[in-house]
Amino acid sequence: MLQIPEHKIPIVEIKTGFDVRIFIKREDLIHPTISGNKFWKLLFNVNQYMESKPENPLLITFGGAFSNHIASVSAFGKEFGIPTIGIIRGNELKNNWQDNPTLSEASKNGMQFFFVSREDYQNKEQLTQKFLEQYPNSLIIPEGGSNEMAVKGVQYMLGNDTKDFDYLCTAVGTGGTIAGISRFAEEHQNVIGIKVVKDNSLENTISEWSRRKNFELIDADEHRYGKISDENVRFINWFYNEYQVPLDPIYTGKMMQKIFDLAEKGFFQKDSKILMFHTGGLQAIKGANQFLKSKGREPIAE
């Protein structure tokens, strides 16, 4: 059994001047390389797998070239001594992935890569079957790590220190994190998810995992996945200068910017307490800056 870390996650109040109190739970500090919610989403999946005592254990998963999930699975494998394989979307980096900061770090963690075309990547069922035939004792983890076991793991992001908040907020990609927060939230708590992807099926998926109706999904102002606007970069840099909390440009930066906007417009009940979960993903800053600098745009402060 992999052990749940005995680490108290700090909750920091963000002084804003709005008619609400805003706090952020620094889940990004749970582990130096396994990022935030990814730790909890992987923990139950891998524990269940390892309890079956597989011969030659192996973790296989999917992701893009700058994926936080790829980075976290590789770090998880290194931490617990389990080999890992990443099926990477897009074969344009097949011969020069060493220049990609995410993949370079994942390789240092021992991950092997299989690059597939974007077209083939869409057929994950076929890819899963192919890799299970080749590695029958492996654990195939879905893209983003979201499944029933991941939802159960997310319960550890909640506890006595989160019970008094009126709103619980998180960024939403594949839906596993918000589903876990929703399922294990207190009866009085409202769960807000800021969508960073355009996926109309997410609400149904989250409802199936959550089994509750205590959540609301709100689009980030720019919810095309991976799109980084100059406004978002300015907000992330301002936020760091103001509060000394780093944000990533894919998830937490967009979530925080939208929550500030909603608070300023009176979306939240006056005098309520709002808790936002910092789900990590800070490794994405290096890749984002590589892109931004190539376009002559303002980089994110590191």
Protein backbone atom coordinates (compact mmCIF):
# COMPACT_ATOMS: atom_id res chain seq x y z
CA MET A 1 0.00 0.00 0.00
CA LEU A 2 1.25 3.49 -0.87
CA GLN A 3 1.05 5.74 2.14
CA ILE A 4 -1.03 8.90 2.34
CA PRO A 5 1.42 11.67 3.25
CA GLU A 6 1.08 13.24 6.68
CA HIS A 7 1.41 16.76 5.38
CA LYS A 8 -0.77 19.65 6.42
CA ILE A 9 -1.69 21.70 3.38
CA PRO A 10 -1.69 25.43 4.15
CA ILE A 11 -4.82 27.47 3.51
CA VAL A 12 -3.91 31.07 2.72
CA GLU A 13 -6.32 34.01 2.82
CA ILE A 14 -6.21 36.25 -0.24
CA LYS A 15 -7.05 39.85 0.74
CA THR A 16 -9.09 41.29 -2.13
CA GLY A 17 -11.33 44.10 -0.91
CA PHE A 18 -14.42 42.30 -2.25
CA ASP A 19 -17.48 41.65 -0.03
CA VAL A 20 -16.37 38.05 0.44
CA ARG A 21 -13.38 36.28 1.99
CA ILE A 22 -11.26 34.33 -0.48
CA PHE A 23 -8.84 31.56 0.51
CA ILE A 24 -6.61 29.20 -1.44
CA LYS A 25 -5.63 25.69 -0.38
CA ARG A 26 -2.09 25.00 -1.58
CA GLU A 27 -2.48 21.43 -2.82
CA ASP A 28 0.46 22.20 -5.10
CA LEU A 29 2.65 21.76 -2.01
CA ILE A 30 1.57 18.15 -1.33
CA HIS A 31 4.67 16.81 -3.09
CA PRO A 32 7.65 18.48 -4.80
CA THR A 33 7.12 16.70 -8.16
CA ILE A 34 3.70 14.97 -8.10
CA SER A 35 1.45 17.90 -8.69
CA GLY A 36 -1.52 18.75 -6.48
CA ASN A 37 -4.72 16.92 -7.36
CA LYS A 38 -2.75 14.50 -9.55
CA PHE A 39 -1.28 12.94 -6.41
CA TRP A 40 -4.73 12.13 -5.03
CA LYS A 41 -6.13 11.00 -8.37
CA LEU A 42 -3.26 8.57 -8.88
CA LEU A 43 -3.03 7.26 -5.31
CA PHE A 44 -6.17 5.11 -5.23
CA ASN A 45 -5.71 3.89 -8.81
CA VAL A 46 -2.15 2.70 -8.18
CA ASN A 47 -2.93 1.31 -4.71
CA GLN A 48 -5.72 -0.87 -6.08
CA TYR A 49 -3.45 -2.03 -8.90
CA MET A 50 -0.49 -2.84 -6.64
CA GLU A 51 -2.71 -4.75 -4.19
CA SER A 52 -3.25 -7.27 -6.99
CA LYS A 53 0.51 -7.91 -6.89
CA PRO A 54 1.04 -7.68 -10.67
CA GLU A 55 4.06 -9.35 -12.19
CA ASN A 56 6.32 -6.68 -13.72
CA PRO A 57 4.09 -3.70 -12.79
CA LEU A 58 3.87 -0.88 -15.32
CA LEU A 59 1.87 2.36 -15.53
CA ILE A 60 0.73 3.53 -18.98
CA THR A 61 -1.11 6.76 -19.66
CA PHE A 62 -1.97 9.38 -22.29
CA GLY A 63 -1.20 13.07 -22.64
CA GLY A 64 -0.01 16.00 -24.71
CA ALA A 65 3.54 17.23 -24.96
CA PHE A 66 3.13 19.71 -22.08
CA SER A 67 0.75 17.59 -19.98
CA ASN A 68 0.75 17.98 -16.20
CA HIS A 69 -0.63 14.45 -16.07
CA ILE A 70 2.32 13.02 -18.01
CA ALA A 71 4.70 14.88 -15.70
CA SER A 72 2.92 13.63 -12.58
CA VAL A 73 2.64 9.99 -13.65
CA SER A 74 6.35 9.92 -14.46
CA ALA A 75 7.17 11.45 -11.05
CA PHE A 76 4.77 9.04 -9.34
CA GLY A 77 6.48 6.09 -11.01
CA LYS A 78 9.90 7.31 -9.96
CA GLU A 79 8.76 7.96 -6.37
CA PHE A 80 7.31 4.46 -5.93
CA GLY A 81 9.64 2.49 -8.20
CA ILE A 82 7.13 1.61 -10.95
CA PRO A 83 8.11 1.88 -14.64
CA THR A 84 5.98 4.25 -16.75
CA ILE A 85 5.06 4.71 -20.40
CA GLY A 86 3.55 7.89 -21.87
CA ILE A 87 1.49 7.73 -25.08
CA ILE A 88 2.04 11.23 -26.43
CA ARG A 89 -0.42 13.07 -28.69
CA GLY A 90 1.24 14.27 -31.91
CA ASN A 91 4.36 12.77 -33.47
CA GLU A 92 6.00 16.12 -34.33
CA LEU A 93 8.27 15.85 -31.27
CA LYS A 94 9.32 12.27 -31.90
CA ASN A 95 12.87 13.24 -32.89
CA ASN A 96 13.39 16.33 -30.73
CA TRP A 97 11.39 15.79 -27.54
CA GLN A 98 14.53 16.58 -25.54
CA ASP A 99 13.83 20.28 -26.20
CA ASN A 100 10.43 20.00 -24.52
CA PRO A 101 10.74 20.77 -20.76
CA THR A 102 7.85 18.49 -19.72
CA LEU A 103 8.96 15.46 -21.70
CA SER A 104 12.61 16.00 -20.84
CA GLU A 105 11.79 15.93 -17.13
CA ALA A 106 9.47 12.93 -17.55
CA SER A 107 12.29 11.06 -19.30
CA LYS A 108 14.63 11.83 -16.39
CA ASN A 109 11.99 10.24 -14.18
CA GLY A 110 12.30 7.08 -16.28
CA MET A 111 9.23 7.39 -18.51
CA GLN A 112 9.36 5.86 -21.99
CA PHE A 113 7.42 7.54 -24.82
CA PHE A 114 5.28 6.33 -27.69
CA PHE A 115 4.36 9.14 -30.07
CA VAL A 116 1.14 8.72 -32.05
CA SER A 117 -0.56 10.91 -34.64
CA ARG A 118 -3.32 13.21 -33.45
CA GLU A 119 -5.78 11.16 -35.48
CA ASP A 120 -4.75 7.86 -33.88
CA TYR A 121 -4.71 9.50 -30.45
CA GLN A 122 -8.46 10.13 -30.68
CA ASN A 123 -9.10 6.39 -30.69
CA LYS A 124 -7.97 5.65 -27.15
CA GLU A 125 -9.96 2.42 -26.97
CA GLN A 126 -7.93 0.97 -29.78
CA LEU A 127 -4.67 2.26 -28.30
CA THR A 128 -5.58 0.87 -24.89
CA GLN A 129 -6.29 -2.54 -26.37
CA LYS A 130 -3.03 -2.48 -28.32
CA PHE A 131 -0.95 -1.67 -25.24
CA LEU A 132 -2.79 -4.18 -23.03
CA GLU A 133 -1.98 -6.90 -25.56
CA GLN A 134 1.66 -5.89 -25.46
CA TYR A 135 1.77 -5.27 -21.68
CA PRO A 136 -1.00 -7.47 -20.19
CA ASN A 137 -0.04 -6.79 -16.55
CA SER A 138 0.03 -3.01 -16.90
CA LEU A 139 -2.31 -0.40 -15.46
CA ILE A 140 -3.76 1.89 -18.15
CA ILE A 141 -4.57 5.28 -16.58
CA PRO A 142 -6.95 7.50 -18.59
CA GLU A 143 -5.90 10.92 -19.89
CA GLY A 144 -6.04 13.38 -17.02
CA GLY A 145 -6.28 10.50 -14.55
CA SER A 146 -10.04 10.84 -14.02
CA ASN A 147 -12.07 7.74 -13.18
CA GLU A 148 -14.02 6.32 -10.24
CA MET A 149 -10.89 5.56 -8.20
CA ALA A 150 -9.52 9.06 -8.84
CA VAL A 151 -12.79 10.56 -7.53
CA LYS A 152 -12.39 8.57 -4.32
CA GLY A 153 -8.82 9.80 -3.93
CA VAL A 154 -9.90 13.45 -4.18
CA GLN A 155 -11.73 13.10 -0.84
CA TYR A 156 -8.34 13.68 0.82
CA MET A 157 -8.37 17.24 -0.49
CA LEU A 158 -11.25 17.79 1.95
CA GLY A 159 -11.20 17.56 5.75
CA ASN A 160 -11.88 19.42 8.95
CA ASP A 161 -10.03 22.44 7.59
CA THR A 162 -12.42 22.79 4.62
CA LYS A 163 -15.78 22.27 6.36
CA ASP A 164 -16.54 25.89 7.24
CA PHE A 165 -16.36 27.30 3.72
CA ASP A 166 -19.49 28.26 1.80
CA TYR A 167 -18.02 27.71 -1.68
CA LEU A 168 -15.42 25.21 -2.90
CA CYS A 169 -13.85 26.12 -6.25
CA THR A 170 -11.59 24.27 -8.65
CA ALA A 171 -10.47 24.33 -12.26
CA VAL A 172 -12.09 21.66 -14.45
CA GLY A 173 -10.40 19.68 -17.22
CA THR A 174 -11.51 16.04 -17.29
CA GLY A 175 -13.89 16.40 -14.33
CA GLY A 176 -12.47 13.98 -11.75
CA THR A 177 -11.39 16.59 -9.22
CA ILE A 178 -14.65 18.52 -9.12
CA ALA A 179 -16.59 15.24 -8.99
CA GLY A 180 -14.63 14.20 -5.89
CA ILE A 181 -15.04 17.59 -4.24
CA SER A 182 -18.75 17.51 -5.02
CA ARG A 183 -19.25 13.97 -3.71
CA PHE A 184 -17.47 14.58 -0.41
CA ALA A 185 -18.47 18.21 0.24
CA GLU A 186 -20.58 19.19 3.25
CA GLU A 187 -24.33 19.59 2.75
CA HIS A 188 -24.20 23.39 3.03
CA GLN A 189 -21.34 23.83 0.54
CA ASN A 190 -21.70 24.99 -3.07
CA VAL A 191 -19.11 23.62 -5.51
CA ILE A 192 -17.99 25.82 -8.41
CA GLY A 193 -15.97 24.47 -11.32
CA ILE A 194 -14.22 26.76 -13.79
CA LYS A 195 -14.05 24.94 -17.13
CA VAL A 196 -10.84 25.41 -19.09
CA VAL A 197 -12.01 23.11 -21.89
CA LYS A 198 -14.95 23.24 -24.28
CA ASP A 199 -16.69 19.95 -23.54
CA ASN A 200 -20.47 19.83 -23.38
CA SER A 201 -20.46 16.30 -21.97
CA LEU A 202 -18.61 17.26 -18.79
CA GLU A 203 -21.68 18.04 -16.68
CA ASN A 204 -23.16 14.58 -17.25
CA THR A 205 -19.81 12.89 -16.62
CA ILE A 206 -19.32 14.78 -13.36
CA SER A 207 -22.88 14.05 -12.24
CA GLU A 208 -22.34 10.32 -12.77
CA TRP A 209 -19.17 10.35 -10.69
CA SER A 210 -20.42 12.79 -8.05
CA ARG A 211 -23.97 11.45 -7.60
CA ARG A 212 -24.94 14.87 -6.28
CA LYS A 213 -26.34 18.14 -7.67
CA ASN A 214 -24.34 20.59 -5.56
CA PHE A 215 -22.02 21.85 -8.29
CA GLU A 216 -22.09 24.46 -11.04
CA LEU A 217 -19.81 24.72 -14.07
CA ILE A 218 -18.75 28.14 -15.36
CA ASP A 219 -16.63 28.70 -18.46
CA ALA A 220 -13.30 30.42 -18.05
CA ASP A 221 -13.17 33.57 -20.16
CA GLU A 222 -10.89 31.67 -22.55
CA HIS A 223 -11.67 27.95 -22.33
CA ARG A 224 -9.83 26.69 -25.36
CA TYR A 225 -7.47 24.23 -23.68
CA GLY A 226 -3.88 25.42 -23.70
CA LYS A 227 -4.75 28.89 -25.01
CA ILE A 228 -2.75 31.51 -23.11
CA SER A 229 -3.87 35.11 -23.51
CA ASP A 230 -1.78 38.17 -22.68
CA GLU A 231 -4.47 39.14 -20.17
CA ASN A 232 -4.09 35.82 -18.38
CA VAL A 233 -0.29 36.20 -18.25
CA ARG A 234 -0.65 39.71 -16.80
CA PHE A 235 -3.09 38.43 -14.17
CA ILE A 236 -0.79 35.54 -13.16
CA ASN A 237 2.19 37.88 -12.81
CA TRP A 238 0.12 40.45 -10.89
CA PHE A 239 -1.22 37.73 -8.59
CA TYR A 240 2.27 36.45 -7.82
CA ASN A 241 3.56 39.94 -7.07
CA GLU A 242 0.54 40.65 -4.87
CA TYR A 243 0.22 37.36 -2.95
CA GLN A 244 3.46 35.42 -3.60
CA VAL A 245 1.45 32.43 -4.89
CA PRO A 246 2.46 31.07 -8.33
CA LEU A 247 -0.30 30.01 -10.75
CA ASP A 248 -0.10 27.94 -13.90
CA PRO A 249 -1.48 29.28 -17.21
CA ILE A 250 -3.64 26.23 -18.07
CA TYR A 251 -5.71 25.64 -14.94
CA THR A 252 -5.19 27.66 -11.76
CA GLY A 253 -4.42 30.96 -13.47
CA LYS A 254 -7.68 30.85 -15.43
CA MET A 255 -9.66 29.67 -12.41
CA MET A 256 -8.33 32.41 -10.15
CA GLN A 257 -8.89 35.12 -12.73
CA LYS A 258 -12.50 34.01 -13.23
CA ILE A 259 -13.21 33.74 -9.49
CA PHE A 260 -11.91 37.28 -8.98
CA ASP A 261 -14.16 38.45 -11.81
CA LEU A 262 -17.20 36.69 -10.32
CA ALA A 263 -16.49 38.08 -6.85
CA GLU A 264 -16.14 41.60 -8.21
CA LYS A 265 -19.50 41.26 -10.00
CA GLY A 266 -21.31 40.03 -6.86
CA PHE A 267 -21.79 36.40 -7.92
CA PHE A 268 -21.07 35.08 -4.42
CA GLN A 269 -23.28 35.76 -1.43
CA LYS A 270 -22.02 38.71 0.61
CA ASP A 271 -19.73 37.81 3.55
CA SER A 272 -19.38 34.22 2.34
CA LYS A 273 -16.13 32.28 2.60
CA ILE A 274 -14.71 30.95 -0.67
CA LEU A 275 -12.05 28.24 -0.85
CA MET A 276 -10.14 27.68 -4.07
CA PHE A 277 -8.01 24.58 -4.56
CA HIS A 278 -4.57 25.14 -6.04
CA THR A 279 -4.26 21.95 -8.06
CA GLY A 280 -0.62 22.42 -9.04
CA GLY A 281 0.53 22.14 -12.63
CA LEU A 282 3.31 24.67 -12.18
CA GLN A 283 5.64 22.63 -14.38
CA ALA A 284 3.60 23.95 -17.33
CA ILE A 285 5.09 27.42 -16.85
CA LYS A 286 8.40 26.43 -18.46
CA GLY A 287 6.69 25.14 -21.60
CA ALA A 288 4.37 28.14 -21.72
CA ASN A 289 7.30 30.52 -21.48
CA GLN A 290 9.12 28.65 -24.22
CA PHE A 291 6.14 29.36 -26.47
CA LEU A 292 5.55 32.94 -25.29
CA LYS A 293 9.17 33.97 -25.74
CA SER A 294 9.23 32.48 -29.25
CA LYS A 295 6.34 34.83 -30.11
CA GLY A 296 7.97 37.86 -28.48
CA ARG A 297 5.26 37.98 -25.79
CA GLU A 298 5.50 38.71 -22.08
CA PRO A 299 6.55 35.57 -20.15
CA ILE A 300 5.19 34.28 -16.86
CA ALA A 301 7.35 35.08 -13.85
CA GLU A 302 9.27 31.99 -12.65
